Amino acid sequence: ISKVNFETEIYIDVHLAANVKGQDVAEFLHKKGFKKLYFATGYEAGTLTNVPDYILGITGKDPVRK
């Protein structure tokens, strides 16, 4: 993590293995200084509640292409 640029876009699933919540991972990364955090989920964006302000967007799980 110390070698990753803080401006790197990071996409985090809402539900991870072993009952880990994506929001907890996002909070950890945000506190470390990462700025471009997104949720990647199969849920509709409008169904997610309590999305922190530092989450810049909610996308599907298809690969991001630019």
PDB file of N, CA and C in Angstrom:
ATOM      1  N   ILE A   1       0.819  -1.192   0.000  1.00  0.00           N
ATOM      2  CA  ILE A   1       0.000   0.000   0.000  1.00  0.00           C
ATOM      3  C   ILE A   1       0.870   1.265   0.000  1.00  0.00           C
ATOM      4  N   SER A   2       2.047   1.179   0.584  1.00  0.00           N
ATOM      5  CA  SER A   2       2.919   2.358   0.659  1.00  0.00           C
ATOM      6  C   SER A   2       3.500   2.723  -0.702  1.00  0.00           C
ATOM      7  N   LYS A   3       3.407   1.823  -1.678  1.00  0.00           N
ATOM      8  CA  LYS A   3       3.963   2.090  -3.004  1.00  0.00           C
ATOM      9  C   LYS A   3       2.908   2.533  -4.012  1.00  0.00           C
ATOM     10  N   VAL A   4       1.651   2.640  -3.574  1.00  0.00           N
ATOM     11  CA  VAL A   4       0.565   3.023  -4.471  1.00  0.00           C
ATOM     12  C   VAL A   4       0.317   4.520  -4.338  1.00  0.00           C
ATOM     13  N   ASN A   5       0.236   5.201  -5.471  1.00  0.00           N
ATOM     14  CA  ASN A   5      -0.021   6.634  -5.504  1.00  0.00           C
ATOM     15  C   ASN A   5      -1.405   6.936  -4.931  1.00  0.00           C
ATOM     16  N   PHE A   6      -1.510   7.973  -4.121  1.00  0.00           N
ATOM     17  CA  PHE A   6      -2.784   8.353  -3.507  1.00  0.00           C
ATOM     18  C   PHE A   6      -3.843   8.760  -4.527  1.00  0.00           C
ATOM     19  N   GLU A   7      -3.446   9.064  -5.756  1.00  0.00           N
ATOM     20  CA  GLU A   7      -4.382   9.463  -6.808  1.00  0.00           C
ATOM     21  C   GLU A   7      -4.866   8.268  -7.643  1.00  0.00           C
ATOM     22  N   THR A   8      -4.436   7.076  -7.307  1.00  0.00           N
ATOM     23  CA  THR A   8      -4.865   5.868  -8.015  1.00  0.00           C
ATOM     24  C   THR A   8      -6.347   5.626  -7.761  1.00  0.00           C
ATOM     25  N   GLU A   9      -7.100   5.332  -8.816  1.00  0.00           N
ATOM     26  CA  GLU A   9      -8.518   4.990  -8.648  1.00  0.00           C
ATOM     27  C   GLU A   9      -8.612   3.589  -8.060  1.00  0.00           C
ATOM     28  N   ILE A  10      -9.394   3.463  -6.993  1.00  0.00           N
ATOM     29  CA  ILE A  10      -9.562   2.175  -6.329  1.00  0.00           C
ATOM     30  C   ILE A  10     -11.051   1.860  -6.278  1.00  0.00           C
ATOM     31  N   TYR A  11     -11.408   0.687  -6.804  1.00  0.00           N
ATOM     32  CA  TYR A  11     -12.797   0.230  -6.835  1.00  0.00           C
ATOM     33  C   TYR A  11     -12.945  -0.902  -5.831  1.00  0.00           C
ATOM     34  N   ILE A  12     -13.868  -0.748  -4.903  1.00  0.00           N
ATOM     35  CA  ILE A  12     -14.023  -1.677  -3.791  1.00  0.00           C
ATOM     36  C   ILE A  12     -15.420  -2.270  -3.829  1.00  0.00           C
ATOM     37  N   ASP A  13     -15.502  -3.590  -3.777  1.00  0.00           N
ATOM     38  CA  ASP A  13     -16.801  -4.247  -3.703  1.00  0.00           C
ATOM     39  C   ASP A  13     -17.433  -3.923  -2.348  1.00  0.00           C
ATOM     40  N   VAL A  14     -18.734  -3.836  -2.312  1.00  0.00           N
ATOM     41  CA  VAL A  14     -19.444  -3.508  -1.076  1.00  0.00           C
ATOM     42  C   VAL A  14     -19.335  -4.652  -0.072  1.00  0.00           C
ATOM     43  N   HIS A  15     -19.419  -5.886  -0.552  1.00  0.00           N
ATOM     44  CA  HIS A  15     -19.323  -7.064   0.321  1.00  0.00           C
ATOM     45  C   HIS A  15     -18.123  -7.892  -0.106  1.00  0.00           C
ATOM     46  N   LEU A  16     -17.179  -8.056   0.811  1.00  0.00           N
ATOM     47  CA  LEU A  16     -15.972  -8.819   0.530  1.00  0.00           C
ATOM     48  C   LEU A  16     -16.010 -10.150   1.281  1.00  0.00           C
ATOM     49  N   ALA A  17     -15.028 -10.971   1.072  1.00  0.00           N
ATOM     50  CA  ALA A  17     -14.965 -12.283   1.725  1.00  0.00           C
ATOM     51  C   ALA A  17     -14.827 -12.136   3.241  1.00  0.00           C
ATOM     52  N   ALA A  18     -15.171 -13.193   3.941  1.00  0.00           N
ATOM     53  CA  ALA A  18     -15.016 -13.276   5.404  1.00  0.00           C
ATOM     54  C   ALA A  18     -15.773 -12.162   6.129  1.00  0.00           C
ATOM     55  N   ASN A  19     -16.922 -11.789   5.572  1.00  0.00           N
ATOM     56  CA  ASN A  19     -17.779 -10.750   6.171  1.00  0.00           C
ATOM     57  C   ASN A  19     -17.112  -9.385   6.315  1.00  0.00           C
ATOM     58  N   VAL A  20     -16.108  -9.120   5.502  1.00  0.00           N
ATOM     59  CA  VAL A  20     -15.477  -7.804   5.494  1.00  0.00           C
ATOM     60  C   VAL A  20     -16.348  -6.875   4.668  1.00  0.00           C
ATOM     61  N   LYS A  21     -16.596  -5.688   5.192  1.00  0.00           N
ATOM     62  CA  LYS A  21     -17.418  -4.700   4.486  1.00  0.00           C
ATOM     63  C   LYS A  21     -16.522  -3.779   3.664  1.00  0.00           C
ATOM     64  N   GLY A  22     -16.944  -3.538   2.434  1.00  0.00           N
ATOM     65  CA  GLY A  22     -16.203  -2.626   1.577  1.00  0.00           C
ATOM     66  C   GLY A  22     -16.093  -1.238   2.179  1.00  0.00           C
ATOM     67  N   GLN A  23     -17.113  -0.822   2.906  1.00  0.00           N
ATOM     68  CA  GLN A  23     -17.084   0.505   3.530  1.00  0.00           C
ATOM     69  C   GLN A  23     -15.960   0.595   4.568  1.00  0.00           C
ATOM     70  N   ASP A  24     -15.684  -0.494   5.264  1.00  0.00           N
ATOM     71  CA  ASP A  24     -14.577  -0.497   6.232  1.00  0.00           C
ATOM     72  C   ASP A  24     -13.236  -0.377   5.522  1.00  0.00           C
ATOM     73  N   VAL A  25     -13.092  -1.078   4.405  1.00  0.00           N
ATOM     74  CA  VAL A  25     -11.859  -0.993   3.621  1.00  0.00           C
ATOM     75  C   VAL A  25     -11.697   0.416   3.059  1.00  0.00           C
ATOM     76  N   ALA A  26     -12.790   0.979   2.550  1.00  0.00           N
ATOM     77  CA  ALA A  26     -12.746   2.341   2.005  1.00  0.00           C
ATOM     78  C   ALA A  26     -12.350   3.344   3.081  1.00  0.00           C
ATOM     79  N   GLU A  27     -12.892   3.190   4.268  1.00  0.00           N
ATOM     80  CA  GLU A  27     -12.552   4.099   5.369  1.00  0.00           C
ATOM     81  C   GLU A  27     -11.066   3.999   5.706  1.00  0.00           C
ATOM     82  N   PHE A  28     -10.549   2.788   5.762  1.00  0.00           N
ATOM     83  CA  PHE A  28      -9.132   2.571   6.030  1.00  0.00           C
ATOM     84  C   PHE A  28      -8.269   3.268   4.974  1.00  0.00           C
ATOM     85  N   LEU A  29      -8.609   3.049   3.699  1.00  0.00           N
ATOM     86  CA  LEU A  29      -7.834   3.659   2.615  1.00  0.00           C
ATOM     87  C   LEU A  29      -7.942   5.174   2.631  1.00  0.00           C
ATOM     88  N   HIS A  30      -9.122   5.683   2.910  1.00  0.00           N
ATOM     89  CA  HIS A  30      -9.324   7.137   2.993  1.00  0.00           C
ATOM     90  C   HIS A  30      -8.440   7.733   4.099  1.00  0.00           C
ATOM     91  N   LYS A  31      -8.409   7.093   5.235  1.00  0.00           N
ATOM     92  CA  LYS A  31      -7.584   7.574   6.356  1.00  0.00           C
ATOM     93  C   LYS A  31      -6.097   7.516   6.025  1.00  0.00           C
ATOM     94  N   LYS A  32      -5.720   6.600   5.138  1.00  0.00           N
ATOM     95  CA  LYS A  32      -4.321   6.508   4.698  1.00  0.00           C
ATOM     96  C   LYS A  32      -3.964   7.595   3.694  1.00  0.00           C
ATOM     97  N   GLY A  33      -5.002   8.253   3.109  1.00  0.00           N
ATOM     98  CA  GLY A  33      -4.742   9.343   2.181  1.00  0.00           C
ATOM     99  C   GLY A  33      -5.212   9.133   0.759  1.00  0.00           C
ATOM    100  N   PHE A  34      -5.819   7.986   0.463  1.00  0.00           N
ATOM    101  CA  PHE A  34      -6.302   7.746  -0.893  1.00  0.00           C
ATOM    102  C   PHE A  34      -7.532   8.605  -1.165  1.00  0.00           C
ATOM    103  N   LYS A  35      -7.587   9.168  -2.373  1.00  0.00           N
ATOM    104  CA  LYS A  35      -8.612  10.157  -2.699  1.00  0.00           C
ATOM    105  C   LYS A  35      -9.640   9.691  -3.725  1.00  0.00           C
ATOM    106  N   LYS A  36      -9.304   8.718  -4.534  1.00  0.00           N
ATOM    107  CA  LYS A  36     -10.192   8.303  -5.627  1.00  0.00           C
ATOM    108  C   LYS A  36     -10.766   6.923  -5.333  1.00  0.00           C
ATOM    109  N   LEU A  37     -11.724   6.912  -4.422  1.00  0.00           N
ATOM    110  CA  LEU A  37     -12.335   5.662  -3.981  1.00  0.00           C
ATOM    111  C   LEU A  37     -13.738   5.537  -4.545  1.00  0.00           C
ATOM    112  N   TYR A  38     -14.055   4.344  -5.028  1.00  0.00           N
ATOM    113  CA  TYR A  38     -15.356   4.059  -5.630  1.00  0.00           C
ATOM    114  C   TYR A  38     -15.859   2.732  -5.095  1.00  0.00           C
ATOM    115  N   PHE A  39     -17.167   2.574  -5.042  1.00  0.00           N
ATOM    116  CA  PHE A  39     -17.751   1.267  -4.770  1.00  0.00           C
ATOM    117  C   PHE A  39     -18.081   0.609  -6.090  1.00  0.00           C
ATOM    118  N   ALA A  40     -17.768  -0.671  -6.205  1.00  0.00           N
ATOM    119  CA  ALA A  40     -18.145  -1.487  -7.357  1.00  0.00           C
ATOM    120  C   ALA A  40     -19.088  -2.552  -6.820  1.00  0.00           C
ATOM    121  N   THR A  41     -20.301  -2.570  -7.328  1.00  0.00           N
ATOM    122  CA  THR A  41     -21.304  -3.464  -6.761  1.00  0.00           C
ATOM    123  C   THR A  41     -22.320  -3.898  -7.798  1.00  0.00           C
ATOM    124  N   GLY A  42     -22.993  -4.963  -7.496  1.00  0.00           N
ATOM    125  CA  GLY A  42     -24.098  -5.416  -8.330  1.00  0.00           C
ATOM    126  C   GLY A  42     -25.415  -4.781  -7.916  1.00  0.00           C
ATOM    127  N   TYR A  43     -25.405  -4.085  -6.788  1.00  0.00           N
ATOM    128  CA  TYR A  43     -26.610  -3.406  -6.307  1.00  0.00           C
ATOM    129  C   TYR A  43     -26.850  -2.117  -7.075  1.00  0.00           C
ATOM    130  N   GLU A  44     -28.087  -1.692  -7.150  1.00  0.00           N
ATOM    131  CA  GLU A  44     -28.407  -0.381  -7.711  1.00  0.00           C
ATOM    132  C   GLU A  44     -27.851   0.693  -6.780  1.00  0.00           C
ATOM    133  N   ALA A  45     -27.255   1.733  -7.336  1.00  0.00           N
ATOM    134  CA  ALA A  45     -26.636   2.785  -6.528  1.00  0.00           C
ATOM    135  C   ALA A  45     -27.612   3.387  -5.524  1.00  0.00           C
ATOM    136  N   GLY A  46     -28.869   3.536  -5.917  1.00  0.00           N
ATOM    137  CA  GLY A  46     -29.864   4.143  -5.043  1.00  0.00           C
ATOM    138  C   GLY A  46     -30.237   3.297  -3.838  1.00  0.00           C
ATOM    139  N   THR A  47     -29.876   2.027  -3.858  1.00  0.00           N
ATOM    140  CA  THR A  47     -30.231   1.159  -2.730  1.00  0.00           C
ATOM    141  C   THR A  47     -29.182   1.183  -1.626  1.00  0.00           C
ATOM    142  N   LEU A  48     -28.009   1.750  -1.906  1.00  0.00           N
ATOM    143  CA  LEU A  48     -26.963   1.818  -0.889  1.00  0.00           C
ATOM    144  C   LEU A  48     -27.223   3.019   0.022  1.00  0.00           C
ATOM    145  N   THR A  49     -27.109   2.782   1.318  1.00  0.00           N
ATOM    146  CA  THR A  49     -27.324   3.861   2.282  1.00  0.00           C
ATOM    147  C   THR A  49     -26.026   4.130   3.028  1.00  0.00           C
ATOM    148  N   ASN A  50     -25.958   5.292   3.608  1.00  0.00           N
ATOM    149  CA  ASN A  50     -24.793   5.695   4.413  1.00  0.00           C
ATOM    150  C   ASN A  50     -23.483   5.627   3.630  1.00  0.00           C
ATOM    151  N   VAL A  51     -23.520   6.054   2.381  1.00  0.00           N
ATOM    152  CA  VAL A  51     -22.299   6.087   1.573  1.00  0.00           C
ATOM    153  C   VAL A  51     -21.504   7.332   1.983  1.00  0.00           C
ATOM    154  N   PRO A  52     -20.281   7.151   2.441  1.00  0.00           N
ATOM    155  CA  PRO A  52     -19.477   8.296   2.885  1.00  0.00           C
ATOM    156  C   PRO A  52     -19.198   9.278   1.746  1.00  0.00           C
ATOM    157  N   ASP A  53     -18.980  10.522   2.106  1.00  0.00           N
ATOM    158  CA  ASP A  53     -18.703  11.577   1.122  1.00  0.00           C
ATOM    159  C   ASP A  53     -17.437  11.324   0.315  1.00  0.00           C
ATOM    160  N   TYR A  54     -16.487  10.605   0.885  1.00  0.00           N
ATOM    161  CA  TYR A  54     -15.231  10.371   0.169  1.00  0.00           C
ATOM    162  C   TYR A  54     -15.343   9.293  -0.902  1.00  0.00           C
ATOM    163  N   ILE A  55     -16.486   8.609  -0.983  1.00  0.00           N
ATOM    164  CA  ILE A  55     -16.724   7.679  -2.088  1.00  0.00           C
ATOM    165  C   ILE A  55     -17.194   8.514  -3.273  1.00  0.00           C
ATOM    166  N   LEU A  56     -16.411   8.545  -4.332  1.00  0.00           N
ATOM    167  CA  LEU A  56     -16.674   9.441  -5.460  1.00  0.00           C
ATOM    168  C   LEU A  56     -17.746   8.938  -6.415  1.00  0.00           C
ATOM    169  N   GLY A  57     -18.055   7.648  -6.347  1.00  0.00           N
ATOM    170  CA  GLY A  57     -19.075   7.115  -7.236  1.00  0.00           C
ATOM    171  C   GLY A  57     -19.328   5.653  -6.956  1.00  0.00           C
ATOM    172  N   ILE A  58     -20.399   5.167  -7.574  1.00  0.00           N
ATOM    173  CA  ILE A  58     -20.777   3.762  -7.438  1.00  0.00           C
ATOM    174  C   ILE A  58     -20.935   3.215  -8.850  1.00  0.00           C
ATOM    175  N   THR A  59     -20.198   2.142  -9.130  1.00  0.00           N
ATOM    176  CA  THR A  59     -20.216   1.559 -10.466  1.00  0.00           C
ATOM    177  C   THR A  59     -20.659   0.102 -10.377  1.00  0.00           C
ATOM    178  N   GLY A  60     -20.909  -0.478 -11.532  1.00  0.00           N
ATOM    179  CA  GLY A  60     -21.171  -1.907 -11.600  1.00  0.00           C
ATOM    180  C   GLY A  60     -19.865  -2.668 -11.484  1.00  0.00           C
ATOM    181  N   LYS A  61     -19.927  -3.967 -11.650  1.00  0.00           N
ATOM    182  CA  LYS A  61     -18.722  -4.787 -11.508  1.00  0.00           C
ATOM    183  C   LYS A  61     -18.008  -5.037 -12.821  1.00  0.00           C
ATOM    184  N   ASP A  62     -18.519  -4.501 -13.917  1.00  0.00           N
ATOM    185  CA  ASP A  62     -17.812  -4.646 -15.181  1.00  0.00           C
ATOM    186  C   ASP A  62     -16.502  -3.887 -15.119  1.00  0.00           C
ATOM    187  N   PRO A  63     -15.474  -4.377 -15.786  1.00  0.00           N
ATOM    188  CA  PRO A  63     -14.177  -3.684 -15.768  1.00  0.00           C
ATOM    189  C   PRO A  63     -14.309  -2.249 -16.259  1.00  0.00           C
ATOM    190  N   VAL A  64     -13.557  -1.374 -15.628  1.00  0.00           N
ATOM    191  CA  VAL A  64     -13.541   0.035 -16.020  1.00  0.00           C
ATOM    192  C   VAL A  64     -12.598   0.177 -17.204  1.00  0.00           C
ATOM    193  N   ARG A  65     -13.099   0.800 -18.256  1.00  0.00           N
ATOM    194  CA  ARG A  65     -12.262   1.019 -19.448  1.00  0.00           C
ATOM    195  C   ARG A  65     -12.239   2.499 -19.765  1.00  0.00           C
ATOM    196  N   LYS A  66     -11.056   2.974 -20.071  1.00  0.00           N
ATOM    197  CA  LYS A  66     -10.920   4.397 -20.420  1.00  0.00           C
ATOM    198  C   LYS A  66     -10.286   4.527 -21.768  1.00  0.00           C
TER     199      LYS A  66
END
